[in-house]
PDB file of all heavy atoms in Angstrom:
ATOM      1  N   ILE A   1      -0.672   3.474  -5.534  1.00  0.00           N
ATOM      2  CA  ILE A   1      -1.803   3.750  -4.653  1.00  0.00           C
ATOM      3  C   ILE A   1      -1.790   5.252  -4.392  1.00  0.00           C
ATOM      4  O   ILE A   1      -0.927   5.773  -3.687  1.00  0.00           O
ATOM      5  CB  ILE A   1      -1.707   3.016  -3.312  1.00  0.00           C
ATOM      6  CG1 ILE A   1      -1.570   1.515  -3.495  1.00  0.00           C
ATOM      7  CG2 ILE A   1      -2.929   3.323  -2.441  1.00  0.00           C
ATOM      8  CD1 ILE A   1      -1.396   0.703  -2.190  1.00  0.00           C
ATOM      9  N   PRO A   2      -2.736   6.024  -5.016  1.00  0.00           N
ATOM     10  CA  PRO A   2      -2.708   7.476  -4.772  1.00  0.00           C
ATOM     11  C   PRO A   2      -2.813   7.777  -3.300  1.00  0.00           C
ATOM     12  O   PRO A   2      -3.425   7.042  -2.540  1.00  0.00           O
ATOM     13  CB  PRO A   2      -3.970   7.959  -5.524  1.00  0.00           C
ATOM     14  CG  PRO A   2      -4.167   6.883  -6.583  1.00  0.00           C
ATOM     15  CD  PRO A   2      -3.734   5.600  -5.933  1.00  0.00           C
ATOM     16  N   VAL A   3      -2.124   8.843  -2.853  1.00  0.00           N
ATOM     17  CA  VAL A   3      -2.035   9.143  -1.425  1.00  0.00           C
ATOM     18  C   VAL A   3      -3.422   9.131  -0.725  1.00  0.00           C
ATOM     19  O   VAL A   3      -3.470   8.674   0.410  1.00  0.00           O
ATOM     20  CB  VAL A   3      -1.245  10.438  -1.215  1.00  0.00           C
ATOM     21  CG1 VAL A   3      -2.034  11.676  -1.688  1.00  0.00           C
ATOM     22  CG2 VAL A   3      -0.846  10.581   0.264  1.00  0.00           C
ATOM     23  N   GLY A   4      -4.426   9.602  -1.404  1.00  0.00           N
ATOM     24  CA  GLY A   4      -5.725   9.664  -0.756  1.00  0.00           C
ATOM     25  C   GLY A   4      -6.387   8.305  -0.532  1.00  0.00           C
ATOM     26  O   GLY A   4      -7.334   8.178   0.197  1.00  0.00           O
ATOM     27  N   ASN A   5      -5.822   7.260  -1.225  1.00  0.00           N
ATOM     28  CA  ASN A   5      -6.382   5.931  -1.145  1.00  0.00           C
ATOM     29  C   ASN A   5      -5.572   5.001  -0.235  1.00  0.00           C
ATOM     30  O   ASN A   5      -5.942   3.829  -0.061  1.00  0.00           O
ATOM     31  CB  ASN A   5      -6.456   5.279  -2.511  1.00  0.00           C
ATOM     32  CG  ASN A   5      -7.364   5.980  -3.428  1.00  0.00           C
ATOM     33  OD1 ASN A   5      -8.064   6.955  -3.091  1.00  0.00           O
ATOM     34  ND2 ASN A   5      -7.389   5.529  -4.699  1.00  0.00           N
ATOM     35  N   VAL A   6      -4.463   5.483   0.318  1.00  0.00           N
ATOM     36  CA  VAL A   6      -3.566   4.622   1.074  1.00  0.00           C
ATOM     37  C   VAL A   6      -4.264   3.933   2.236  1.00  0.00           C
ATOM     38  O   VAL A   6      -4.172   2.700   2.424  1.00  0.00           O
ATOM     39  CB  VAL A   6      -2.322   5.396   1.593  1.00  0.00           C
ATOM     40  CG1 VAL A   6      -1.546   4.628   2.654  1.00  0.00           C
ATOM     41  CG2 VAL A   6      -1.445   5.765   0.395  1.00  0.00           C
ATOM     42  N   GLY A   7      -5.041   4.692   3.047  1.00  0.00           N
ATOM     43  CA  GLY A   7      -5.745   4.045   4.170  1.00  0.00           C
ATOM     44  C   GLY A   7      -6.706   2.998   3.733  1.00  0.00           C
ATOM     45  O   GLY A   7      -6.725   1.884   4.296  1.00  0.00           O
ATOM     46  N   GLN A   8      -7.487   3.280   2.747  1.00  0.00           N
ATOM     47  CA  GLN A   8      -8.497   2.337   2.237  1.00  0.00           C
ATOM     48  C   GLN A   8      -7.876   1.098   1.657  1.00  0.00           C
ATOM     49  O   GLN A   8      -8.234   0.004   1.949  1.00  0.00           O
ATOM     50  CB  GLN A   8      -9.378   3.040   1.180  1.00  0.00           C
ATOM     51  CG  GLN A   8     -10.374   2.163   0.497  1.00  0.00           C
ATOM     52  CD  GLN A   8     -11.140   2.909  -0.601  1.00  0.00           C
ATOM     53  OE1 GLN A   8     -11.274   4.123  -0.573  1.00  0.00           O
ATOM     54  NE2 GLN A   8     -11.584   2.158  -1.579  1.00  0.00           N
ATOM     55  N   ASP A   9      -6.854   1.313   0.817  1.00  0.00           N
ATOM     56  CA  ASP A   9      -6.243   0.151   0.117  1.00  0.00           C
ATOM     57  C   ASP A   9      -5.405  -0.692   1.073  1.00  0.00           C
ATOM     58  O   ASP A   9      -5.350  -1.928   0.902  1.00  0.00           O
ATOM     59  CB  ASP A   9      -5.400   0.625  -1.092  1.00  0.00           C
ATOM     60  CG  ASP A   9      -6.302   1.068  -2.233  1.00  0.00           C
ATOM     61  OD1 ASP A   9      -7.497   0.725  -2.284  1.00  0.00           O
ATOM     62  OD2 ASP A   9      -5.798   1.783  -3.136  1.00  0.00           O
ATOM     63  N   LEU A  10      -4.732  -0.078   2.034  1.00  0.00           N
ATOM     64  CA  LEU A  10      -3.984  -0.879   3.022  1.00  0.00           C
ATOM     65  C   LEU A  10      -4.911  -1.622   3.959  1.00  0.00           C
ATOM     66  O   LEU A  10      -4.482  -2.483   4.710  1.00  0.00           O
ATOM     67  CB  LEU A  10      -2.944  -0.069   3.751  1.00  0.00           C
ATOM     68  CG  LEU A  10      -1.737   0.365   2.962  1.00  0.00           C
ATOM     69  CD1 LEU A  10      -0.811   1.193   3.846  1.00  0.00           C
ATOM     70  CD2 LEU A  10      -1.008  -0.825   2.357  1.00  0.00           C
ATOM     71  N   SER A  11      -6.176  -1.258   3.987  1.00  0.00           N
ATOM     72  CA  SER A  11      -7.153  -1.939   4.858  1.00  0.00           C
ATOM     73  C   SER A  11      -7.879  -3.049   4.130  1.00  0.00           C
ATOM     74  O   SER A  11      -8.649  -3.764   4.755  1.00  0.00           O
ATOM     75  CB  SER A  11      -8.202  -0.892   5.349  1.00  0.00           C
ATOM     76  OG  SER A  11      -7.573   0.103   6.154  1.00  0.00           O
ATOM     77  N   LEU A  12      -7.627  -3.250   2.857  1.00  0.00           N
ATOM     78  CA  LEU A  12      -8.200  -4.356   2.103  1.00  0.00           C
ATOM     79  C   LEU A  12      -7.727  -5.697   2.719  1.00  0.00           C
ATOM     80  O   LEU A  12      -6.633  -5.780   3.260  1.00  0.00           O
ATOM     81  CB  LEU A  12      -7.791  -4.316   0.665  1.00  0.00           C
ATOM     82  CG  LEU A  12      -8.287  -3.154  -0.205  1.00  0.00           C
ATOM     83  CD1 LEU A  12      -7.581  -3.193  -1.577  1.00  0.00           C
ATOM     84  CD2 LEU A  12      -9.782  -3.192  -0.390  1.00  0.00           C
ATOM     85  N   ASP A  13      -8.553  -6.726   2.590  1.00  0.00           N
ATOM     86  CA  ASP A  13      -8.060  -8.001   3.085  1.00  0.00           C
ATOM     87  C   ASP A  13      -7.021  -8.501   2.027  1.00  0.00           C
ATOM     88  O   ASP A  13      -6.905  -7.911   0.926  1.00  0.00           O
ATOM     89  CB  ASP A  13      -9.201  -9.023   3.287  1.00  0.00           C
ATOM     90  CG  ASP A  13      -9.910  -9.524   2.023  1.00  0.00           C
ATOM     91  OD1 ASP A  13      -9.284  -9.573   0.976  1.00  0.00           O
ATOM     92  OD2 ASP A  13     -11.105  -9.860   2.140  1.00  0.00           O
ATOM     93  N   ALA A  14      -6.317  -9.524   2.370  1.00  0.00           N
ATOM     94  CA  ALA A  14      -5.161  -9.963   1.587  1.00  0.00           C
ATOM     95  C   ALA A  14      -5.557 -10.334   0.166  1.00  0.00           C
ATOM     96  O   ALA A  14      -4.870 -10.031  -0.809  1.00  0.00           O
ATOM     97  CB  ALA A  14      -4.492 -11.150   2.266  1.00  0.00           C
ATOM     98  N   ALA A  15      -6.703 -11.037   0.006  1.00  0.00           N
ATOM     99  CA  ALA A  15      -7.172 -11.491  -1.342  1.00  0.00           C
ATOM    100  C   ALA A  15      -7.526 -10.274  -2.195  1.00  0.00           C
ATOM    101  O   ALA A  15      -7.164 -10.259  -3.398  1.00  0.00           O
ATOM    102  CB  ALA A  15      -8.331 -12.430  -1.228  1.00  0.00           C
ATOM    103  N   GLU A  16      -8.221  -9.289  -1.623  1.00  0.00           N
ATOM    104  CA  GLU A  16      -8.608  -8.108  -2.380  1.00  0.00           C
ATOM    105  C   GLU A  16      -7.357  -7.307  -2.792  1.00  0.00           C
ATOM    106  O   GLU A  16      -7.285  -6.823  -3.894  1.00  0.00           O
ATOM    107  CB  GLU A  16      -9.545  -7.208  -1.564  1.00  0.00           C
ATOM    108  CG  GLU A  16     -10.922  -7.791  -1.295  1.00  0.00           C
ATOM    109  CD  GLU A  16     -11.702  -6.944  -0.334  1.00  0.00           C
ATOM    110  OE1 GLU A  16     -11.194  -6.562   0.742  1.00  0.00           O
ATOM    111  OE2 GLU A  16     -12.908  -6.692  -0.635  1.00  0.00           O
ATOM    112  N   PHE A  17      -6.396  -7.190  -1.905  1.00  0.00           N
ATOM    113  CA  PHE A  17      -5.174  -6.479  -2.189  1.00  0.00           C
ATOM    114  C   PHE A  17      -4.436  -7.163  -3.343  1.00  0.00           C
ATOM    115  O   PHE A  17      -4.014  -6.493  -4.290  1.00  0.00           O
ATOM    116  CB  PHE A  17      -4.294  -6.372  -0.957  1.00  0.00           C
ATOM    117  CG  PHE A  17      -3.132  -5.452  -1.062  1.00  0.00           C
ATOM    118  CD1 PHE A  17      -3.274  -4.113  -0.636  1.00  0.00           C
ATOM    119  CD2 PHE A  17      -1.937  -5.867  -1.590  1.00  0.00           C
ATOM    120  CE1 PHE A  17      -2.187  -3.203  -0.778  1.00  0.00           C
ATOM    121  CE2 PHE A  17      -0.843  -4.950  -1.739  1.00  0.00           C
ATOM    122  CZ  PHE A  17      -0.989  -3.652  -1.306  1.00  0.00           C
ATOM    123  N   GLN A  18      -4.331  -8.468  -3.249  1.00  0.00           N
ATOM    124  CA  GLN A  18      -3.620  -9.249  -4.286  1.00  0.00           C
ATOM    125  C   GLN A  18      -4.320  -9.057  -5.662  1.00  0.00           C
ATOM    126  O   GLN A  18      -3.658  -8.845  -6.657  1.00  0.00           O
ATOM    127  CB  GLN A  18      -3.580 -10.697  -3.885  1.00  0.00           C
ATOM    128  CG  GLN A  18      -3.053 -11.639  -5.001  1.00  0.00           C
ATOM    129  CD  GLN A  18      -1.565 -11.645  -5.064  1.00  0.00           C
ATOM    130  OE1 GLN A  18      -0.897 -11.591  -4.094  1.00  0.00           O
ATOM    131  NE2 GLN A  18      -1.018 -11.706  -6.248  1.00  0.00           N
ATOM    132  N   SER A  19      -5.641  -9.116  -5.652  1.00  0.00           N
ATOM    133  CA  SER A  19      -6.388  -8.942  -6.856  1.00  0.00           C
ATOM    134  C   SER A  19      -6.243  -7.565  -7.447  1.00  0.00           C
ATOM    135  O   SER A  19      -6.099  -7.426  -8.690  1.00  0.00           O
ATOM    136  CB  SER A  19      -7.878  -9.273  -6.545  1.00  0.00           C
ATOM    137  OG  SER A  19      -8.648  -9.031  -7.707  1.00  0.00           O
ATOM    138  N   LYS A  20      -6.263  -6.551  -6.615  1.00  0.00           N
ATOM    139  CA  LYS A  20      -6.206  -5.201  -7.096  1.00  0.00           C
ATOM    140  C   LYS A  20      -4.785  -4.777  -7.595  1.00  0.00           C
ATOM    141  O   LYS A  20      -4.645  -4.075  -8.587  1.00  0.00           O
ATOM    142  CB  LYS A  20      -6.648  -4.244  -5.985  1.00  0.00           C
ATOM    143  CG  LYS A  20      -6.749  -2.764  -6.441  1.00  0.00           C
ATOM    144  CD  LYS A  20      -7.455  -1.933  -5.395  1.00  0.00           C
ATOM    145  CE  LYS A  20      -7.642  -0.504  -5.912  1.00  0.00           C
ATOM    146  NZ  LYS A  20      -8.395   0.301  -4.962  1.00  0.00           N
ATOM    147  N   PHE A  21      -3.756  -5.217  -6.872  1.00  0.00           N
ATOM    148  CA  PHE A  21      -2.407  -4.749  -7.149  1.00  0.00           C
ATOM    149  C   PHE A  21      -1.431  -5.796  -7.725  1.00  0.00           C
ATOM    150  O   PHE A  21      -0.322  -5.470  -8.166  1.00  0.00           O
ATOM    151  CB  PHE A  21      -1.774  -4.145  -5.893  1.00  0.00           C
ATOM    152  CG  PHE A  21      -2.536  -2.949  -5.393  1.00  0.00           C
ATOM    153  CD1 PHE A  21      -3.345  -3.061  -4.255  1.00  0.00           C
ATOM    154  CD2 PHE A  21      -2.523  -1.758  -6.083  1.00  0.00           C
ATOM    155  CE1 PHE A  21      -4.092  -1.991  -3.822  1.00  0.00           C
ATOM    156  CE2 PHE A  21      -3.312  -0.673  -5.644  1.00  0.00           C
ATOM    157  CZ  PHE A  21      -4.061  -0.798  -4.508  1.00  0.00           C
ATOM    158  N   GLY A  22      -1.835  -7.071  -7.714  1.00  0.00           N
ATOM    159  CA  GLY A  22      -1.018  -8.109  -8.305  1.00  0.00           C
ATOM    160  C   GLY A  22       0.171  -8.509  -7.467  1.00  0.00           C
ATOM    161  O   GLY A  22       1.076  -9.152  -7.939  1.00  0.00           O
ATOM    162  N   VAL A  23       0.181  -8.056  -6.243  1.00  0.00           N
ATOM    163  CA  VAL A  23       1.231  -8.461  -5.273  1.00  0.00           C
ATOM    164  C   VAL A  23       0.587  -8.764  -3.900  1.00  0.00           C
ATOM    165  O   VAL A  23      -0.539  -8.353  -3.658  1.00  0.00           O
ATOM    166  CB  VAL A  23       2.279  -7.287  -5.046  1.00  0.00           C
ATOM    167  CG1 VAL A  23       3.013  -7.030  -6.361  1.00  0.00           C
ATOM    168  CG2 VAL A  23       1.635  -6.077  -4.483  1.00  0.00           C
ATOM    169  N   SER A  24       1.287  -9.512  -3.116  1.00  0.00           N
ATOM    170  CA  SER A  24       0.796  -9.847  -1.780  1.00  0.00           C
ATOM    171  C   SER A  24       0.721  -8.639  -0.919  1.00  0.00           C
ATOM    172  O   SER A  24       1.585  -7.773  -0.960  1.00  0.00           O
ATOM    173  CB  SER A  24       1.722 -10.922  -1.089  1.00  0.00           C
ATOM    174  OG  SER A  24       1.755 -12.124  -1.863  1.00  0.00           O
ATOM    175  N   LYS A  25      -0.351  -8.582  -0.097  1.00  0.00           N
ATOM    176  CA  LYS A  25      -0.438  -7.442   0.859  1.00  0.00           C
ATOM    177  C   LYS A  25       0.700  -7.586   1.879  1.00  0.00           C
ATOM    178  O   LYS A  25       0.905  -8.667   2.416  1.00  0.00           O
ATOM    179  CB  LYS A  25      -1.783  -7.516   1.545  1.00  0.00           C
ATOM    180  CG  LYS A  25      -1.974  -6.391   2.532  1.00  0.00           C
ATOM    181  CD  LYS A  25      -3.344  -6.472   3.200  1.00  0.00           C
ATOM    182  CE  LYS A  25      -3.494  -5.400   4.272  1.00  0.00           C
ATOM    183  NZ  LYS A  25      -4.787  -5.473   4.942  1.00  0.00           N
ATOM    184  N   PRO A  26       1.415  -6.478   2.175  1.00  0.00           N
ATOM    185  CA  PRO A  26       2.476  -6.596   3.121  1.00  0.00           C
ATOM    186  C   PRO A  26       1.911  -6.840   4.537  1.00  0.00           C
ATOM    187  O   PRO A  26       0.846  -6.317   4.881  1.00  0.00           O
ATOM    188  CB  PRO A  26       3.150  -5.236   3.078  1.00  0.00           C
ATOM    189  CG  PRO A  26       2.167  -4.307   2.486  1.00  0.00           C
ATOM    190  CD  PRO A  26       1.258  -5.134   1.600  1.00  0.00           C
ATOM    191  N   PRO A  27       2.598  -7.674   5.323  1.00  0.00           N
ATOM    192  CA  PRO A  27       2.118  -7.882   6.699  1.00  0.00           C
ATOM    193  C   PRO A  27       2.434  -6.626   7.520  1.00  0.00           C
ATOM    194  O   PRO A  27       3.239  -5.786   7.179  1.00  0.00           O
ATOM    195  CB  PRO A  27       3.009  -9.044   7.173  1.00  0.00           C
ATOM    196  CG  PRO A  27       4.213  -9.016   6.340  1.00  0.00           C
ATOM    197  CD  PRO A  27       3.789  -8.451   5.027  1.00  0.00           C
ATOM    198  N   LEU A  28       1.708  -6.485   8.660  1.00  0.00           N
ATOM    199  CA  LEU A  28       1.912  -5.309   9.519  1.00  0.00           C
ATOM    200  C   LEU A  28       3.363  -5.100   9.933  1.00  0.00           C
ATOM    201  O   LEU A  28       3.803  -4.001  10.103  1.00  0.00           O
ATOM    202  CB  LEU A  28       0.971  -5.382  10.720  1.00  0.00           C
ATOM    203  CG  LEU A  28      -0.514  -5.230  10.438  1.00  0.00           C
ATOM    204  CD1 LEU A  28      -1.312  -5.434  11.715  1.00  0.00           C
ATOM    205  CD2 LEU A  28      -0.825  -3.924   9.812  1.00  0.00           C
ATOM    206  N   ASP A  29       4.092  -6.216  10.082  1.00  0.00           N
ATOM    207  CA  ASP A  29       5.505  -6.103  10.539  1.00  0.00           C
ATOM    208  C   ASP A  29       6.471  -6.063   9.391  1.00  0.00           C
ATOM    209  O   ASP A  29       7.718  -6.213   9.574  1.00  0.00           O
ATOM    210  CB  ASP A  29       5.837  -7.212  11.521  1.00  0.00           C
ATOM    211  CG  ASP A  29       5.766  -8.613  10.890  1.00  0.00           C
ATOM    212  OD1 ASP A  29       5.259  -8.718   9.695  1.00  0.00           O
ATOM    213  OD2 ASP A  29       6.177  -9.586  11.523  1.00  0.00           O
ATOM    214  N   CYS A  30       6.004  -5.823   8.169  1.00  0.00           N
ATOM    215  CA  CYS A  30       6.875  -5.732   6.994  1.00  0.00           C
ATOM    216  C   CYS A  30       7.944  -4.727   7.214  1.00  0.00           C
ATOM    217  O   CYS A  30       7.678  -3.558   7.531  1.00  0.00           O
ATOM    218  CB  CYS A  30       6.022  -5.416   5.757  1.00  0.00           C
ATOM    219  SG  CYS A  30       6.977  -5.221   4.234  1.00  0.00           S
ATOM    220  N   THR A  31       9.167  -5.098   7.063  1.00  0.00           N
ATOM    221  CA  THR A  31      10.293  -4.169   7.255  1.00  0.00           C
ATOM    222  C   THR A  31      10.683  -3.429   6.020  1.00  0.00           C
ATOM    223  O   THR A  31      11.538  -2.541   6.027  1.00  0.00           O
ATOM    224  CB  THR A  31      11.536  -4.890   7.820  1.00  0.00           C
ATOM    225  OG1 THR A  31      11.919  -5.923   6.913  1.00  0.00           O
ATOM    226  CG2 THR A  31      11.267  -5.489   9.217  1.00  0.00           C
ATOM    227  N   GLU A  32      10.112  -3.822   4.899  1.00  0.00           N
ATOM    228  CA  GLU A  32      10.529  -3.203   3.613  1.00  0.00           C
ATOM    229  C   GLU A  32       9.319  -2.693   2.839  1.00  0.00           C
ATOM    230  O   GLU A  32       9.124  -2.976   1.693  1.00  0.00           O
ATOM    231  CB  GLU A  32      11.338  -4.225   2.813  1.00  0.00           C
ATOM    232  CG  GLU A  32      12.629  -4.553   3.587  1.00  0.00           C
ATOM    233  CD  GLU A  32      13.419  -5.673   2.952  1.00  0.00           C
ATOM    234  OE1 GLU A  32      12.904  -6.431   2.152  1.00  0.00           O
ATOM    235  OE2 GLU A  32      14.602  -5.805   3.360  1.00  0.00           O
ATOM    236  N   LEU A  33       8.474  -1.861   3.520  1.00  0.00           N
ATOM    237  CA  LEU A  33       7.349  -1.184   2.955  1.00  0.00           C
ATOM    238  C   LEU A  33       7.709   0.273   2.826  1.00  0.00           C
ATOM    239  O   LEU A  33       7.978   0.952   3.785  1.00  0.00           O
ATOM    240  CB  LEU A  33       6.094  -1.306   3.828  1.00  0.00           C
ATOM    241  CG  LEU A  33       4.853  -0.540   3.401  1.00  0.00           C
ATOM    242  CD1 LEU A  33       4.378  -0.940   2.030  1.00  0.00           C
ATOM    243  CD2 LEU A  33       3.767  -0.712   4.436  1.00  0.00           C
ATOM    244  N   VAL A  34       7.884   0.728   1.532  1.00  0.00           N
ATOM    245  CA  VAL A  34       8.401   2.088   1.274  1.00  0.00           C
ATOM    246  C   VAL A  34       7.458   2.842   0.335  1.00  0.00           C
ATOM    247  O   VAL A  34       6.996   2.306  -0.627  1.00  0.00           O
ATOM    248  CB  VAL A  34       9.806   1.981   0.595  1.00  0.00           C
ATOM    249  CG1 VAL A  34      10.320   3.370   0.306  1.00  0.00           C
ATOM    250  CG2 VAL A  34      10.788   1.221   1.482  1.00  0.00           C
ATOM    251  N   PHE A  35       7.131   4.087   0.752  1.00  0.00           N
ATOM    252  CA  PHE A  35       6.318   4.955  -0.055  1.00  0.00           C
ATOM    253  C   PHE A  35       7.141   6.046  -0.692  1.00  0.00           C
ATOM    254  O   PHE A  35       8.179   6.438  -0.127  1.00  0.00           O
ATOM    255  CB  PHE A  35       5.259   5.615   0.869  1.00  0.00           C
ATOM    256  CG  PHE A  35       4.318   4.636   1.471  1.00  0.00           C
ATOM    257  CD1 PHE A  35       4.630   4.015   2.684  1.00  0.00           C
ATOM    258  CD2 PHE A  35       3.133   4.319   0.856  1.00  0.00           C
ATOM    259  CE1 PHE A  35       3.759   3.128   3.279  1.00  0.00           C
ATOM    260  CE2 PHE A  35       2.247   3.410   1.412  1.00  0.00           C
ATOM    261  CZ  PHE A  35       2.564   2.788   2.591  1.00  0.00           C
ATOM    262  N   PHE A  36       6.694   6.542  -1.821  1.00  0.00           N
ATOM    263  CA  PHE A  36       7.381   7.700  -2.438  1.00  0.00           C
ATOM    264  C   PHE A  36       6.355   8.489  -3.274  1.00  0.00           C
ATOM    265  O   PHE A  36       5.289   8.009  -3.675  1.00  0.00           O
ATOM    266  CB  PHE A  36       8.581   7.270  -3.306  1.00  0.00           C
ATOM    267  CG  PHE A  36       8.190   6.631  -4.675  1.00  0.00           C
ATOM    268  CD1 PHE A  36       8.104   7.398  -5.834  1.00  0.00           C
ATOM    269  CD2 PHE A  36       7.904   5.296  -4.735  1.00  0.00           C
ATOM    270  CE1 PHE A  36       7.776   6.815  -7.031  1.00  0.00           C
ATOM    271  CE2 PHE A  36       7.578   4.680  -5.931  1.00  0.00           C
ATOM    272  CZ  PHE A  36       7.520   5.441  -7.083  1.00  0.00           C
ATOM    273  N   CYS A  37       6.727   9.770  -3.480  1.00  0.00           N
ATOM    274  CA  CYS A  37       5.906  10.641  -4.303  1.00  0.00           C
ATOM    275  C   CYS A  37       6.853  11.418  -5.236  1.00  0.00           C
ATOM    276  O   CYS A  37       7.865  10.875  -5.619  1.00  0.00           O
ATOM    277  CB  CYS A  37       5.047  11.599  -3.432  1.00  0.00           C
ATOM    278  SG  CYS A  37       6.023  12.660  -2.372  1.00  0.00           S
ATOM    279  N   GLN A  38       6.497  12.632  -5.589  1.00  0.00           N
ATOM    280  CA  GLN A  38       7.347  13.404  -6.509  1.00  0.00           C
ATOM    281  C   GLN A  38       8.508  14.121  -5.735  1.00  0.00           C
ATOM    282  O   GLN A  38       9.619  14.122  -6.182  1.00  0.00           O
ATOM    283  CB  GLN A  38       6.498  14.468  -7.239  1.00  0.00           C
ATOM    284  CG  GLN A  38       7.267  15.183  -8.331  1.00  0.00           C
ATOM    285  CD  GLN A  38       7.754  14.281  -9.469  1.00  0.00           C
ATOM    286  OE1 GLN A  38       7.016  13.328  -9.833  1.00  0.00           O
ATOM    287  NE2 GLN A  38       8.875  14.558 -10.043  1.00  0.00           N
ATOM    288  N   LEU A  39       8.165  14.729  -4.590  1.00  0.00           N
ATOM    289  CA  LEU A  39       9.170  15.501  -3.878  1.00  0.00           C
ATOM    290  C   LEU A  39       9.377  15.055  -2.404  1.00  0.00           C
ATOM    291  O   LEU A  39      10.313  15.472  -1.763  1.00  0.00           O
ATOM    292  CB  LEU A  39       8.742  16.992  -3.826  1.00  0.00           C
ATOM    293  CG  LEU A  39       8.633  17.667  -5.202  1.00  0.00           C
ATOM    294  CD1 LEU A  39       8.053  19.065  -5.077  1.00  0.00           C
ATOM    295  CD2 LEU A  39       9.982  17.686  -5.870  1.00  0.00           C
ATOM    296  N   GLY A  40       8.479  14.195  -1.831  1.00  0.00           N
ATOM    297  CA  GLY A  40       8.709  13.680  -0.528  1.00  0.00           C
ATOM    298  C   GLY A  40       7.563  13.909   0.502  1.00  0.00           C
ATOM    299  O   GLY A  40       7.407  13.151   1.418  1.00  0.00           O
ATOM    300  N   ARG A  41       6.791  14.959   0.277  1.00  0.00           N
ATOM    301  CA  ARG A  41       5.775  15.341   1.265  1.00  0.00           C
ATOM    302  C   ARG A  41       4.614  14.313   1.280  1.00  0.00           C
ATOM    303  O   ARG A  41       4.247  13.844   2.328  1.00  0.00           O
ATOM    304  CB  ARG A  41       5.247  16.713   0.968  1.00  0.00           C
ATOM    305  CG  ARG A  41       4.309  17.216   2.066  1.00  0.00           C
ATOM    306  CD  ARG A  41       3.912  18.653   1.835  1.00  0.00           C
ATOM    307  NE  ARG A  41       5.132  19.477   1.898  1.00  0.00           N
ATOM    308  CZ  ARG A  41       5.286  20.624   1.227  1.00  0.00           C
ATOM    309  NH1 ARG A  41       4.336  21.096   0.463  1.00  0.00           N
ATOM    310  NH2 ARG A  41       6.428  21.326   1.348  1.00  0.00           N
ATOM    311  N   ARG A  42       4.071  13.979   0.137  1.00  0.00           N
ATOM    312  CA  ARG A  42       2.957  12.991   0.114  1.00  0.00           C
ATOM    313  C   ARG A  42       3.439  11.610   0.532  1.00  0.00           C
ATOM    314  O   ARG A  42       2.697  10.813   1.168  1.00  0.00           O
ATOM    315  CB  ARG A  42       2.349  12.952  -1.304  1.00  0.00           C
ATOM    316  CG  ARG A  42       1.538  14.188  -1.624  1.00  0.00           C
ATOM    317  CD  ARG A  42       1.076  14.131  -3.077  1.00  0.00           C
ATOM    318  NE  ARG A  42       2.248  14.372  -3.957  1.00  0.00           N
ATOM    319  CZ  ARG A  42       2.232  14.269  -5.245  1.00  0.00           C
ATOM    320  NH1 ARG A  42       1.117  13.902  -5.875  1.00  0.00           N
ATOM    321  NH2 ARG A  42       3.302  14.481  -5.969  1.00  0.00           N
ATOM    322  N   GLY A  43       4.687  11.274   0.203  1.00  0.00           N
ATOM    323  CA  GLY A  43       5.244   9.974   0.659  1.00  0.00           C
ATOM    324  C   GLY A  43       5.327   9.929   2.180  1.00  0.00           C
ATOM    325  O   GLY A  43       5.019   8.883   2.793  1.00  0.00           O
TER     326      GLY A  43
END
């Protein structure tokens, strides 16, 4: 999910997220949601 799309893509409903990324959308209380980039700033 490119950094500029994070807000939009995390706002998708569960079915749209699953369809787009092939994984279940993490719940708001997900304890294992991790972002990364090349050096750390965008993550």
